[in-house]
PDB file of N, CA and C in Angstrom:
ATOM      1  N   MET A   1     -54.049 190.603  78.426  1.00  0.00           N
ATOM      2  CA  MET A   1     -55.286 189.719  78.630  1.00  0.00           C
ATOM      3  C   MET A   1     -55.461 189.492  80.098  1.00  0.00           C
ATOM      4  N   ASP A   2     -56.729 189.550  80.482  1.00  0.00           N
ATOM      5  CA  ASP A   2     -57.027 189.305  81.896  1.00  0.00           C
ATOM      6  C   ASP A   2     -57.444 187.803  81.987  1.00  0.00           C
ATOM      7  N   ILE A   3     -56.568 187.005  82.568  1.00  0.00           N
ATOM      8  CA  ILE A   3     -56.818 185.593  82.746  1.00  0.00           C
ATOM      9  C   ILE A   3     -58.059 185.411  83.679  1.00  0.00           C
ATOM     10  N   GLY A   4     -58.170 186.186  84.628  1.00  0.00           N
ATOM     11  CA  GLY A   4     -59.314 185.993  85.645  1.00  0.00           C
ATOM     12  C   GLY A   4     -60.604 186.101  84.971  1.00  0.00           C
ATOM     13  N   SER A   5     -60.741 186.757  83.784  1.00  0.00           N
ATOM     14  CA  SER A   5     -62.078 186.856  83.066  1.00  0.00           C
ATOM     15  C   SER A   5     -62.277 185.663  82.197  1.00  0.00           C
ATOM     16  N   ARG A   6     -61.337 184.854  81.972  1.00  0.00           N
ATOM     17  CA  ARG A   6     -61.479 183.714  81.063  1.00  0.00           C
ATOM     18  C   ARG A   6     -61.876 182.471  81.869  1.00  0.00           C
ATOM     19  N   PRO A   7     -62.736 181.602  81.342  1.00  0.00           N
ATOM     20  CA  PRO A   7     -62.988 180.306  81.996  1.00  0.00           C
ATOM     21  C   PRO A   7     -61.693 179.551  82.085  1.00  0.00           C
ATOM     22  N   LYS A   8     -61.587 178.812  83.284  1.00  0.00           N
ATOM     23  CA  LYS A   8     -60.309 178.080  83.500  1.00  0.00           C
ATOM     24  C   LYS A   8     -60.119 177.036  82.403  1.00  0.00           C
ATOM     25  N   ASP A   9     -61.223 176.448  81.939  1.00  0.00           N
ATOM     26  CA  ASP A   9     -61.030 175.413  80.910  1.00  0.00           C
ATOM     27  C   ASP A   9     -60.257 176.044  79.578  1.00  0.00           C
ATOM     28  N   ASP A  10     -60.722 177.202  79.226  1.00  0.00           N
ATOM     29  CA  ASP A  10     -60.066 177.894  78.073  1.00  0.00           C
ATOM     30  C   ASP A  10     -58.601 177.997  78.254  1.00  0.00           C
ATOM     31  N   VAL A  11     -58.268 178.527  79.387  1.00  0.00           N
ATOM     32  CA  VAL A  11     -56.832 178.785  79.667  1.00  0.00           C
ATOM     33  C   VAL A  11     -55.998 177.501  79.746  1.00  0.00           C
ATOM     34  N   LEU A  12     -56.614 176.455  80.290  1.00  0.00           N
ATOM     35  CA  LEU A  12     -55.927 175.124  80.293  1.00  0.00           C
ATOM     36  C   LEU A  12     -55.816 174.420  79.025  1.00  0.00           C
ATOM     37  N   VAL A  13     -56.815 174.613  78.201  1.00  0.00           N
ATOM     38  CA  VAL A  13     -56.838 174.027  76.770  1.00  0.00           C
ATOM     39  C   VAL A  13     -55.846 174.759  76.004  1.00  0.00           C
ATOM     40  N   ALA A  14     -55.690 176.054  76.063  1.00  0.00           N
ATOM     41  CA  ALA A  14     -54.711 176.772  75.383  1.00  0.00           C
ATOM     42  C   ALA A  14     -53.274 176.404  75.833  1.00  0.00           C
ATOM     43  N   LEU A  15     -53.183 176.184  77.193  1.00  0.00           N
ATOM     44  CA  LEU A  15     -51.841 175.749  77.631  1.00  0.00           C
ATOM     45  C   LEU A  15     -51.494 174.335  77.030  1.00  0.00           C
ATOM     46  N   GLY A  16     -52.443 173.454  77.027  1.00  0.00           N
ATOM     47  CA  GLY A  16     -52.206 172.117  76.492  1.00  0.00           C
ATOM     48  C   GLY A  16     -51.864 172.221  75.033  1.00  0.00           C
ATOM     49  N   ARG A  17     -52.539 173.102  74.244  1.00  0.00           N
ATOM     50  CA  ARG A  17     -52.184 173.131  72.855  1.00  0.00           C
ATOM     51  C   ARG A  17     -50.866 173.678  72.583  1.00  0.00           C
ATOM     52  N   THR A  18     -50.399 174.590  73.508  1.00  0.00           N
ATOM     53  CA  THR A  18     -49.030 175.192  73.496  1.00  0.00           C
ATOM     54  C   THR A  18     -48.047 174.083  73.673  1.00  0.00           C
ATOM     55  N   VAL A  19     -48.268 173.253  74.803  1.00  0.00           N
ATOM     56  CA  VAL A  19     -47.250 172.123  75.070  1.00  0.00           C
ATOM     57  C   VAL A  19     -47.263 171.182  73.947  1.00  0.00           C
ATOM     58  N   ARG A  20     -48.450 170.782  73.432  1.00  0.00           N
ATOM     59  CA  ARG A  20     -48.474 169.818  72.316  1.00  0.00           C
ATOM     60  C   ARG A  20     -47.761 170.309  71.074  1.00  0.00           C
ATOM     61  N   HIS A  21     -48.070 171.625  70.765  1.00  0.00           N
ATOM     62  CA  HIS A  21     -47.330 172.176  69.565  1.00  0.00           C
ATOM     63  C   HIS A  21     -45.850 172.162  69.628  1.00  0.00           C
ATOM     64  N   LEU A  22     -45.333 172.527  70.759  1.00  0.00           N
ATOM     65  CA  LEU A  22     -43.906 172.472  70.974  1.00  0.00           C
ATOM     66  C   LEU A  22     -43.318 171.141  71.072  1.00  0.00           C
ATOM     67  N   ARG A  23     -44.010 170.148  71.718  1.00  0.00           N
ATOM     68  CA  ARG A  23     -43.603 168.798  71.746  1.00  0.00           C
ATOM     69  C   ARG A  23     -43.529 168.178  70.411  1.00  0.00           C
ATOM     70  N   MET A  24     -44.533 168.477  69.614  1.00  0.00           N
ATOM     71  CA  MET A  24     -44.553 167.846  68.199  1.00  0.00           C
ATOM     72  C   MET A  24     -43.507 168.514  67.287  1.00  0.00           C
ATOM     73  N   ARG A  25     -43.226 169.599  67.542  1.00  0.00           N
ATOM     74  CA  ARG A  25     -42.185 170.372  66.702  1.00  0.00           C
ATOM     75  C   ARG A  25     -40.783 169.765  66.873  1.00  0.00           C
ATOM     76  N   ARG A  26     -40.605 169.192  68.123  1.00  0.00           N
ATOM     77  CA  ARG A  26     -39.484 168.477  68.440  1.00  0.00           C
ATOM     78  C   ARG A  26     -39.409 167.030  68.014  1.00  0.00           C
ATOM     79  N   GLY A  27     -40.660 166.573  67.576  1.00  0.00           N
ATOM     80  CA  GLY A  27     -40.860 165.166  67.147  1.00  0.00           C
ATOM     81  C   GLY A  27     -40.820 164.183  68.289  1.00  0.00           C
ATOM     82  N   TRP A  28     -41.247 164.679  69.496  1.00  0.00           N
ATOM     83  CA  TRP A  28     -41.251 163.860  70.664  1.00  0.00           C
ATOM     84  C   TRP A  28     -42.603 163.306  70.984  1.00  0.00           C
ATOM     85  N   SER A  29     -42.649 162.066  71.547  1.00  0.00           N
ATOM     86  CA  SER A  29     -43.845 161.574  72.091  1.00  0.00           C
ATOM     87  C   SER A  29     -44.143 162.100  73.459  1.00  0.00           C
ATOM     88  N   GLN A  30     -45.296 161.929  73.888  1.00  0.00           N
ATOM     89  CA  GLN A  30     -45.675 162.315  75.320  1.00  0.00           C
ATOM     90  C   GLN A  30     -44.798 161.542  76.279  1.00  0.00           C
ATOM     91  N   GLU A  31     -44.548 160.340  75.936  1.00  0.00           N
ATOM     92  CA  GLU A  31     -43.724 159.581  76.793  1.00  0.00           C
ATOM     93  C   GLU A  31     -42.261 160.123  76.917  1.00  0.00           C
ATOM     94  N   ARG A  32     -41.765 160.501  75.864  1.00  0.00           N
ATOM     95  CA  ARG A  32     -40.380 161.099  75.792  1.00  0.00           C
ATOM     96  C   ARG A  32     -40.260 162.362  76.592  1.00  0.00           C
ATOM     97  N   LEU A  33     -41.278 163.326  76.468  1.00  0.00           N
ATOM     98  CA  LEU A  33     -41.314 164.535  77.145  1.00  0.00           C
ATOM     99  C   LEU A  33     -41.501 164.203  78.571  1.00  0.00           C
ATOM    100  N   GLY A  34     -42.374 163.320  78.924  1.00  0.00           N
ATOM    101  CA  GLY A  34     -42.537 162.968  80.303  1.00  0.00           C
ATOM    102  C   GLY A  34     -41.274 162.460  81.002  1.00  0.00           C
ATOM    103  N   ALA A  35     -40.532 161.643  80.264  1.00  0.00           N
ATOM    104  CA  ALA A  35     -39.336 161.088  80.748  1.00  0.00           C
ATOM    105  C   ALA A  35     -38.262 162.102  80.998  1.00  0.00           C
ATOM    106  N   LEU A  36     -38.099 162.954  80.013  1.00  0.00           N
ATOM    107  CA  LEU A  36     -37.127 164.066  80.097  1.00  0.00           C
ATOM    108  C   LEU A  36     -37.455 165.086  81.185  1.00  0.00           C
ATOM    109  N   ALA A  37     -38.732 165.326  81.340  1.00  0.00           N
ATOM    110  CA  ALA A  37     -39.162 166.299  82.296  1.00  0.00           C
ATOM    111  C   ALA A  37     -39.340 165.654  83.712  1.00  0.00           C
ATOM    112  N   ARG A  38     -39.229 164.316  83.776  1.00  0.00           N
ATOM    113  CA  ARG A  38     -39.443 163.597  85.052  1.00  0.00           C
ATOM    114  C   ARG A  38     -40.815 163.696  85.405  1.00  0.00           C
ATOM    115  N   LEU A  39     -41.763 163.591  84.524  1.00  0.00           N
ATOM    116  CA  LEU A  39     -43.247 163.524  84.731  1.00  0.00           C
ATOM    117  C   LEU A  39     -43.850 162.322  84.155  1.00  0.00           C
ATOM    118  N   HIS A  40     -44.815 161.702  84.628  1.00  0.00           N
ATOM    119  CA  HIS A  40     -45.481 160.576  83.999  1.00  0.00           C
ATOM    120  C   HIS A  40     -46.095 160.925  82.633  1.00  0.00           C
ATOM    121  N   ARG A  41     -45.947 160.122  81.683  1.00  0.00           N
ATOM    122  CA  ARG A  41     -46.553 160.418  80.323  1.00  0.00           C
ATOM    123  C   ARG A  41     -48.022 160.654  80.355  1.00  0.00           C
ATOM    124  N   ASN A  42     -48.770 159.925  81.325  1.00  0.00           N
ATOM    125  CA  ASN A  42     -50.132 160.200  81.488  1.00  0.00           C
ATOM    126  C   ASN A  42     -50.473 161.641  81.853  1.00  0.00           C
ATOM    127  N   TYR A  43     -49.569 162.100  82.796  1.00  0.00           N
ATOM    128  CA  TYR A  43     -49.705 163.492  83.236  1.00  0.00           C
ATOM    129  C   TYR A  43     -49.566 164.543  82.097  1.00  0.00           C
ATOM    130  N   VAL A  44     -48.505 164.227  81.285  1.00  0.00           N
ATOM    131  CA  VAL A  44     -48.309 165.004  80.055  1.00  0.00           C
ATOM    132  C   VAL A  44     -49.580 165.041  79.161  1.00  0.00           C
ATOM    133  N   GLY A  45     -50.236 163.906  79.032  1.00  0.00           N
ATOM    134  CA  GLY A  45     -51.447 163.843  78.332  1.00  0.00           C
ATOM    135  C   GLY A  45     -52.598 164.677  78.881  1.00  0.00           C
ATOM    136  N   THR A  46     -52.726 164.629  80.229  1.00  0.00           N
ATOM    137  CA  THR A  46     -53.758 165.441  80.749  1.00  0.00           C
ATOM    138  C   THR A  46     -53.456 166.888  80.714  1.00  0.00           C
ATOM    139  N   ILE A  47     -52.154 167.344  80.551  1.00  0.00           N
ATOM    140  CA  ILE A  47     -51.854 168.728  80.385  1.00  0.00           C
ATOM    141  C   ILE A  47     -52.271 169.077  78.943  1.00  0.00           C
ATOM    142  N   GLU A  48     -51.947 168.225  77.988  1.00  0.00           N
ATOM    143  CA  GLU A  48     -52.272 168.499  76.528  1.00  0.00           C
ATOM    144  C   GLU A  48     -53.640 168.560  76.272  1.00  0.00           C
ATOM    145  N   ARG A  49     -54.486 167.792  77.032  1.00  0.00           N
ATOM    146  CA  ARG A  49     -55.958 167.831  76.885  1.00  0.00           C
ATOM    147  C   ARG A  49     -56.674 168.989  77.579  1.00  0.00           C
ATOM    148  N   GLY A  50     -55.891 169.745  78.355  1.00  0.00           N
ATOM    149  CA  GLY A  50     -56.389 170.800  79.193  1.00  0.00           C
ATOM    150  C   GLY A  50     -57.221 170.311  80.444  1.00  0.00           C
ATOM    151  N   GLU A  51     -56.849 169.124  80.833  1.00  0.00           N
ATOM    152  CA  GLU A  51     -57.506 168.555  81.980  1.00  0.00           C
ATOM    153  C   GLU A  51     -56.697 168.762  83.318  1.00  0.00           C
ATOM    154  N   ALA A  52     -55.540 169.087  83.216  1.00  0.00           N
ATOM    155  CA  ALA A  52     -54.630 169.227  84.370  1.00  0.00           C
ATOM    156  C   ALA A  52     -54.476 170.733  84.718  1.00  0.00           C
ATOM    157  N   ASN A  53     -54.612 170.990  85.945  1.00  0.00           N
ATOM    158  CA  ASN A  53     -54.305 172.322  86.502  1.00  0.00           C
ATOM    159  C   ASN A  53     -53.102 172.114  87.449  1.00  0.00           C
ATOM    160  N   GLY A  54     -51.975 171.852  86.811  1.00  0.00           N
ATOM    161  CA  GLY A  54     -50.821 171.509  87.554  1.00  0.00           C
ATOM    162  C   GLY A  54     -50.106 172.655  88.329  1.00  0.00           C
ATOM    163  N   THR A  55     -49.018 172.272  88.925  1.00  0.00           N
ATOM    164  CA  THR A  55     -48.201 173.280  89.615  1.00  0.00           C
ATOM    165  C   THR A  55     -47.372 174.079  88.698  1.00  0.00           C
ATOM    166  N   ILE A  56     -47.025 175.249  89.075  1.00  0.00           N
ATOM    167  CA  ILE A  56     -46.082 176.023  88.344  1.00  0.00           C
ATOM    168  C   ILE A  56     -44.768 175.446  88.150  1.00  0.00           C
ATOM    169  N   LEU A  57     -44.312 174.625  89.107  1.00  0.00           N
ATOM    170  CA  LEU A  57     -43.052 173.979  89.096  1.00  0.00           C
ATOM    171  C   LEU A  57     -43.054 172.941  87.923  1.00  0.00           C
ATOM    172  N   ASN A  58     -44.217 172.144  87.843  1.00  0.00           N
ATOM    173  CA  ASN A  58     -44.298 171.154  86.737  1.00  0.00           C
ATOM    174  C   ASN A  58     -44.369 171.832  85.413  1.00  0.00           C
ATOM    175  N   LEU A  59     -44.977 172.941  85.328  1.00  0.00           N
ATOM    176  CA  LEU A  59     -45.164 173.723  84.087  1.00  0.00           C
ATOM    177  C   LEU A  59     -43.740 174.246  83.661  1.00  0.00           C
ATOM    178  N   LEU A  60     -42.991 174.789  84.608  1.00  0.00           N
ATOM    179  CA  LEU A  60     -41.590 175.227  84.370  1.00  0.00           C
ATOM    180  C   LEU A  60     -40.714 174.090  83.910  1.00  0.00           C
ATOM    181  N   ARG A  61     -40.922 173.017  84.539  1.00  0.00           N
ATOM    182  CA  ARG A  61     -40.090 171.853  84.153  1.00  0.00           C
ATOM    183  C   ARG A  61     -40.451 171.395  82.715  1.00  0.00           C
ATOM    184  N   VAL A  62     -41.670 171.496  82.276  1.00  0.00           N
ATOM    185  CA  VAL A  62     -41.977 171.181  80.924  1.00  0.00           C
ATOM    186  C   VAL A  62     -41.394 172.198  79.951  1.00  0.00           C
ATOM    187  N   VAL A  63     -41.579 173.447  80.217  1.00  0.00           N
ATOM    188  CA  VAL A  63     -41.136 174.501  79.399  1.00  0.00           C
ATOM    189  C   VAL A  63     -39.530 174.422  79.297  1.00  0.00           C
ATOM    190  N   ARG A  64     -38.929 174.229  80.349  1.00  0.00           N
ATOM    191  CA  ARG A  64     -37.407 174.066  80.301  1.00  0.00           C
ATOM    192  C   ARG A  64     -37.014 172.844  79.440  1.00  0.00           C
ATOM    193  N   THR A  65     -37.710 171.715  79.643  1.00  0.00           N
ATOM    194  CA  THR A  65     -37.450 170.571  78.921  1.00  0.00           C
ATOM    195  C   THR A  65     -37.629 170.776  77.384  1.00  0.00           C
ATOM    196  N   LEU A  66     -38.652 171.496  77.056  1.00  0.00           N
ATOM    197  CA  LEU A  66     -38.835 171.830  75.623  1.00  0.00           C
ATOM    198  C   LEU A  66     -37.839 172.751  75.106  1.00  0.00           C
ATOM    199  N   GLY A  67     -37.072 173.356  75.875  1.00  0.00           N
ATOM    200  CA  GLY A  67     -36.000 174.308  75.529  1.00  0.00           C
ATOM    201  C   GLY A  67     -36.453 175.550  74.881  1.00  0.00           C
ATOM    202  N   VAL A  68     -37.595 176.036  75.483  1.00  0.00           N
ATOM    203  CA  VAL A  68     -38.187 177.337  75.006  1.00  0.00           C
ATOM    204  C   VAL A  68     -38.134 178.310  76.098  1.00  0.00           C
ATOM    205  N   PRO A  69     -37.671 179.535  75.791  1.00  0.00           N
ATOM    206  CA  PRO A  69     -37.601 180.584  76.903  1.00  0.00           C
ATOM    207  C   PRO A  69     -39.071 180.807  77.278  1.00  0.00           C
ATOM    208  N   LEU A  70     -39.302 181.030  78.636  1.00  0.00           N
ATOM    209  CA  LEU A  70     -40.662 181.237  79.145  1.00  0.00           C
ATOM    210  C   LEU A  70     -41.404 182.340  78.394  1.00  0.00           C
ATOM    211  N   PRO A  71     -40.788 183.584  78.051  1.00  0.00           N
ATOM    212  CA  PRO A  71     -41.571 184.576  77.288  1.00  0.00           C
ATOM    213  C   PRO A  71     -42.035 184.055  75.947  1.00  0.00           C
ATOM    214  N   VAL A  72     -41.302 183.284  75.308  1.00  0.00           N
ATOM    215  CA  VAL A  72     -41.677 182.669  73.968  1.00  0.00           C
ATOM    216  C   VAL A  72     -42.911 181.739  74.270  1.00  0.00           C
ATOM    217  N   PHE A  73     -42.805 180.842  75.309  1.00  0.00           N
ATOM    218  CA  PHE A  73     -43.870 179.972  75.593  1.00  0.00           C
ATOM    219  C   PHE A  73     -45.115 180.732  75.882  1.00  0.00           C
ATOM    220  N   ALA A  74     -44.966 181.764  76.689  1.00  0.00           N
ATOM    221  CA  ALA A  74     -46.216 182.588  77.141  1.00  0.00           C
ATOM    222  C   ALA A  74     -46.755 183.299  75.889  1.00  0.00           C
ATOM    223  N   ALA A  75     -45.993 183.784  74.944  1.00  0.00           N
ATOM    224  CA  ALA A  75     -46.552 184.471  73.748  1.00  0.00           C
ATOM    225  C   ALA A  75     -47.268 183.495  72.876  1.00  0.00           C
ATOM    226  N   LEU A  76     -46.716 182.223  72.740  1.00  0.00           N
ATOM    227  CA  LEU A  76     -47.407 181.237  71.936  1.00  0.00           C
ATOM    228  C   LEU A  76     -48.734 180.815  72.729  1.00  0.00           C
ATOM    229  N   TRP A  77     -48.774 180.603  73.999  1.00  0.00           N
ATOM    230  CA  TRP A  77     -49.897 180.281  74.744  1.00  0.00           C
ATOM    231  C   TRP A  77     -50.953 181.442  74.525  1.00  0.00           C
ATOM    232  N   ASP A  78     -50.570 182.697  74.608  1.00  0.00           N
ATOM    233  CA  ASP A  78     -51.470 183.726  74.489  1.00  0.00           C
ATOM    234  C   ASP A  78     -52.127 183.789  73.054  1.00  0.00           C
ATOM    235  N   ARG A  79     -51.394 183.378  72.099  1.00  0.00           N
ATOM    236  CA  ARG A  79     -52.070 183.215  70.746  1.00  0.00           C
ATOM    237  C   ARG A  79     -53.114 182.132  70.707  1.00  0.00           C
ATOM    238  N   TYR A  80     -52.839 181.016  71.480  1.00  0.00           N
ATOM    239  CA  TYR A  80     -53.823 180.039  71.469  1.00  0.00           C
ATOM    240  C   TYR A  80     -55.017 180.445  72.280  1.00  0.00           C
ATOM    241  N   VAL A  81     -54.818 181.140  73.344  1.00  0.00           N
ATOM    242  CA  VAL A  81     -56.022 181.673  74.093  1.00  0.00           C
ATOM    243  C   VAL A  81     -56.931 182.609  73.191  1.00  0.00           C
ATOM    244  N   HIS A  82     -56.224 183.474  72.399  1.00  0.00           N
ATOM    245  CA  HIS A  82     -56.965 184.412  71.533  1.00  0.00           C
ATOM    246  C   HIS A  82     -57.716 183.544  70.475  1.00  0.00           C
ATOM    247  N   ALA A  83     -56.964 182.626  69.932  1.00  0.00           N
ATOM    248  CA  ALA A  83     -57.544 181.717  68.846  1.00  0.00           C
ATOM    249  C   ALA A  83     -58.755 181.020  69.365  1.00  0.00           C
ATOM    250  N   GLY A  84     -58.720 180.537  70.608  1.00  0.00           N
ATOM    251  CA  GLY A  84     -59.848 179.893  71.185  1.00  0.00           C
ATOM    252  C   GLY A  84     -60.992 180.816  71.366  1.00  0.00           C
ATOM    253  N   ARG A  85     -60.739 182.029  71.739  1.00  0.00           N
ATOM    254  CA  ARG A  85     -61.824 183.018  71.862  1.00  0.00           C
ATOM    255  C   ARG A  85     -62.490 183.365  70.572  1.00  0.00           C
ATOM    256  N   ALA A  86     -61.724 183.440  69.490  1.00  0.00           N
ATOM    257  CA  ALA A  86     -62.186 183.713  68.167  1.00  0.00           C
ATOM    258  C   ALA A  86     -63.090 182.571  67.756  1.00  0.00           C
ATOM    259  N   VAL A  87     -62.621 181.330  67.898  1.00  0.00           N
ATOM    260  CA  VAL A  87     -63.581 180.196  67.580  1.00  0.00           C
ATOM    261  C   VAL A  87     -64.865 180.268  68.356  1.00  0.00           C
ATOM    262  N   GLN A  88     -64.838 180.522  69.562  1.00  0.00           N
ATOM    263  CA  GLN A  88     -66.083 180.679  70.358  1.00  0.00           C
ATOM    264  C   GLN A  88     -66.928 181.762  69.950  1.00  0.00           C
ATOM    265  N   ASP A  89     -66.368 182.916  69.601  1.00  0.00           N
ATOM    266  CA  ASP A  89     -67.151 184.014  68.965  1.00  0.00           C
ATOM    267  C   ASP A  89     -67.883 183.646  67.781  1.00  0.00           C
ATOM    268  N   VAL A  90     -67.216 182.873  66.864  1.00  0.00           N
ATOM    269  CA  VAL A  90     -67.876 182.507  65.577  1.00  0.00           C
ATOM    270  C   VAL A  90     -68.954 181.495  65.904  1.00  0.00           C
ATOM    271  N   ALA A  91     -68.759 180.677  66.806  1.00  0.00           N
ATOM    272  CA  ALA A  91     -69.844 179.625  67.177  1.00  0.00           C
ATOM    273  C   ALA A  91     -71.010 180.310  67.814  1.00  0.00           C
ATOM    274  N   ARG A  92     -70.865 181.359  68.580  1.00  0.00           N
ATOM    275  CA  ARG A  92     -71.941 181.976  69.194  1.00  0.00           C
ATOM    276  C   ARG A  92     -72.779 182.843  68.203  1.00  0.00           C
ATOM    277  N   ALA A  93     -72.028 183.279  67.056  1.00  0.00           N
ATOM    278  CA  ALA A  93     -72.774 184.049  66.054  1.00  0.00           C
ATOM    279  C   ALA A  93     -73.634 183.223  65.160  1.00  0.00           C
ATOM    280  N   ARG A  94     -73.414 181.923  65.181  1.00  0.00           N
ATOM    281  CA  ARG A  94     -74.206 181.098  64.242  1.00  0.00           C
ATOM    282  C   ARG A  94     -75.602 180.899  64.814  1.00  0.00           C
TER     283      ARG A  94
END
């Protein structure tokens, strides 16, 4: 997938959904993830809402804290990007 061809918002929303999915699978609150990753819980919320275009270091910190290998995280994120595209295609067709 060519990220450069996707609107930034789509990429960030998919990133946020990926983080939320993995956090909820662990049964963690945003506050807990933030504390473990040494990030403010409000920042975790902005990531999950697709509002934050954070640094790669913060993203890696979140991924490591969630205990997921980066390739697994990236594959899940890619699925969310494609799912978002499918939803948009259906909406345009109406």
